[in-house]
C-alpha cells in the first residue's frame, strides 16, 4: 500500500490532478446539457423543483470539487496523506453522483451522508497534516 500511496499523491502526475480535470470537464459537459433547456419554464420540473435544483447542484459540485482536487494537486507540498487524497477524490466523484441520482430519483437523497462523510474526513486529514504535510 505504501508504494501505491506514494504514487497516488506524488506522481508522475498526482491522481488528484487527473481527477480534478476530469471533474471540471464533466462540469462543462453537464453545464452545456443543462444550458440546452434552462430557458424553458418547465425544464426538469421548473426552476424551483427538486429535480432541477439537484441537477444544478451536481453541475456546481463537479466544478467546485474538481477545482479543489486541482488545488490540492498543485499545492506547494503534499499537504495530506494518501488516504486524505483518496478521500478527497472519492468525495469529489460521489457528491455530484448523488446529486444527479437524486435529481433522477428522490430516494437517493438518503445517500448524501456518503460524500459528506468522505469530504469531511478529507478536510480533517488536511487539517491534521497542516500546510506542509507535517514536514515543518
Protein backbone atom coordinates (compact mmCIF):
# COMPACT_ATOMS: atom_id res chain seq x y z
CA UNK A 1 0.00 0.00 0.00
CA UNK A 2 2.86 2.38 0.73
CA UNK A 3 4.12 2.23 -2.87
CA UNK A 4 0.61 2.88 -4.21
CA UNK A 5 0.10 5.66 -1.66
CA UNK A 6 3.29 7.41 -2.77
CA UNK A 7 2.28 7.15 -6.43
CA UNK A 8 -1.20 8.40 -5.61
CA UNK A 9 -0.03 11.71 -4.19
CA UNK A 10 3.44 12.28 -5.67
CA UNK A 11 3.07 11.28 -9.23
CA UNK A 12 4.48 11.20 -12.02
CA UNK A 13 1.24 13.21 -12.19
CA UNK A 14 -0.80 13.16 -8.98
CA UNK A 15 -4.08 11.33 -9.41
CA UNK A 16 -5.86 14.34 -7.88
CA UNK A 17 -4.70 16.32 -10.94
CA UNK A 18 -6.34 13.85 -13.33
CA UNK A 19 -9.50 13.54 -11.23
CA UNK A 20 -9.71 17.32 -10.86
CA UNK A 21 -9.52 17.93 -14.61
CA UNK A 22 -11.93 15.07 -15.24
CA UNK A 23 -14.48 16.58 -12.86
CA UNK A 24 -14.04 20.02 -14.45
CA UNK A 25 -14.54 18.61 -17.94
CA UNK A 26 -17.70 16.84 -16.75
CA UNK A 27 -18.92 20.13 -15.28
CA UNK A 28 -18.51 21.77 -18.69
CA UNK A 29 -20.48 18.95 -20.34
CA UNK A 30 -23.28 18.97 -17.75
CA UNK A 31 -23.42 22.77 -17.89
CA UNK A 32 -23.84 22.63 -21.65
CA UNK A 33 -26.55 19.97 -21.34
CA UNK A 34 -28.40 21.94 -18.67
CA UNK A 35 -27.97 25.06 -20.78
CA UNK A 36 -29.89 23.47 -23.63
CA UNK A 37 -33.10 23.63 -21.64
CA UNK A 38 -32.69 26.33 -18.99
CA UNK A 39 -34.78 28.81 -20.97
CA UNK A 40 -37.85 26.53 -20.84
CA UNK A 41 -40.00 27.29 -17.76
CA UNK A 42 -40.87 23.62 -17.19
CA UNK A 43 -37.37 22.24 -17.79
CA UNK A 44 -36.72 19.43 -15.28
CA UNK A 45 -39.91 20.31 -13.43
CA UNK A 46 -39.41 24.08 -13.29
CA UNK A 47 -36.84 26.33 -11.64
CA UNK A 48 -37.85 25.54 -8.04
CA UNK A 49 -38.26 21.79 -8.49
CA UNK A 50 -36.03 19.43 -6.53
CA UNK A 51 -35.08 17.73 -9.76
CA UNK A 52 -33.71 20.90 -11.34
CA UNK A 53 -32.05 22.11 -8.12
CA UNK A 54 -30.25 18.78 -7.71
CA UNK A 55 -29.07 18.85 -11.33
CA UNK A 56 -27.71 22.38 -10.82
CA UNK A 57 -26.06 21.35 -7.55
CA UNK A 58 -24.47 18.34 -9.28
CA UNK A 59 -23.09 20.61 -12.00
CA UNK A 60 -21.62 23.03 -9.45
CA UNK A 61 -20.28 20.17 -7.30
CA UNK A 62 -18.37 18.86 -10.32
CA UNK A 63 -16.75 22.26 -10.86
CA UNK A 64 -16.03 23.08 -7.21
CA UNK A 65 -14.71 19.67 -6.21
CA UNK A 66 -12.72 19.44 -9.43
CA UNK A 67 -11.03 22.72 -8.57
CA UNK A 68 -10.42 21.55 -5.00
CA UNK A 69 -8.67 18.43 -6.31
CA UNK A 70 -6.58 20.58 -8.66
CA UNK A 71 -5.72 22.95 -5.83
CA UNK A 72 -4.52 20.01 -3.78
CA UNK A 73 -2.50 18.57 -6.68
CA UNK A 74 -0.85 21.93 -7.39
CA UNK A 75 -0.11 22.78 -3.78
CA UNK A 76 3.42 23.66 -2.65
CA UNK A 77 3.78 20.28 -0.98
CA UNK A 78 1.83 17.20 -0.14
CA UNK A 79 -0.49 18.59 2.49
CA UNK A 80 -2.47 15.46 3.26
CA UNK A 81 -1.82 11.76 3.32
CA UNK A 82 -2.59 9.34 0.51
CA UNK A 83 -5.67 8.40 2.50
CA UNK A 84 -6.76 12.04 2.60
CA UNK A 85 -6.08 12.46 -1.12
CA UNK A 86 -8.16 9.37 -1.83
CA UNK A 87 -10.98 10.64 0.37
CA UNK A 88 -10.94 13.97 -1.48
CA UNK A 89 -11.17 12.25 -4.85
CA UNK A 90 -13.88 9.87 -3.68
CA UNK A 91 -15.90 12.76 -2.27
CA UNK A 92 -15.40 14.69 -5.49
CA UNK A 93 -16.86 11.84 -7.50
CA UNK A 94 -19.66 10.75 -5.15
CA UNK A 95 -21.10 14.21 -4.35
CA UNK A 96 -22.13 15.09 -7.91
CA UNK A 97 -23.16 11.47 -8.50
CA UNK A 98 -25.56 11.58 -5.55
CA UNK A 99 -26.86 14.98 -6.71
CA UNK A 100 -27.64 13.67 -10.20
CA UNK A 101 -29.08 10.43 -8.83
CA UNK A 102 -31.33 12.45 -6.51
CA UNK A 103 -32.45 14.54 -9.50
CA UNK A 104 -33.40 11.26 -11.16
CA UNK A 105 -34.95 9.51 -8.13
CA UNK A 106 -35.62 11.48 -4.96
CA UNK A 107 -34.98 8.44 -2.75
CA UNK A 108 -31.24 8.75 -3.50
CA UNK A 109 -31.17 11.83 -1.23
CA UNK A 110 -30.63 9.44 1.66
CA UNK A 111 -27.17 8.69 0.26
CA UNK A 112 -25.84 12.23 0.79
CA UNK A 113 -24.16 11.14 4.02
CA UNK A 114 -21.59 9.19 1.95
CA UNK A 115 -19.97 12.10 0.04
CA UNK A 116 -20.39 14.44 3.01
CA UNK A 117 -18.56 11.99 5.27
CA UNK A 118 -15.81 11.42 2.69
CA UNK A 119 -15.22 15.15 2.24
CA UNK A 120 -15.33 15.83 5.98
CA UNK A 121 -12.71 13.13 6.58
CA UNK A 122 -10.55 14.59 3.77
CA UNK A 123 -10.79 18.01 5.43
CA UNK A 124 -9.84 16.51 8.81
CA UNK A 125 -6.84 14.78 7.19
CA UNK A 126 -5.72 18.06 5.59
CA UNK A 127 -6.17 19.99 8.82
CA UNK A 128 -4.31 17.35 10.84
CA UNK A 129 -1.38 17.27 8.41
CA UNK A 130 -1.00 21.05 8.30
CA UNK A 131 0.05 23.14 5.29
CA UNK A 132 3.26 21.24 4.68
CA UNK A 133 2.11 17.73 5.48
CA UNK A 134 3.76 17.79 8.89
CA UNK A 135 7.24 18.30 7.34
CA UNK A 136 7.80 21.55 9.22
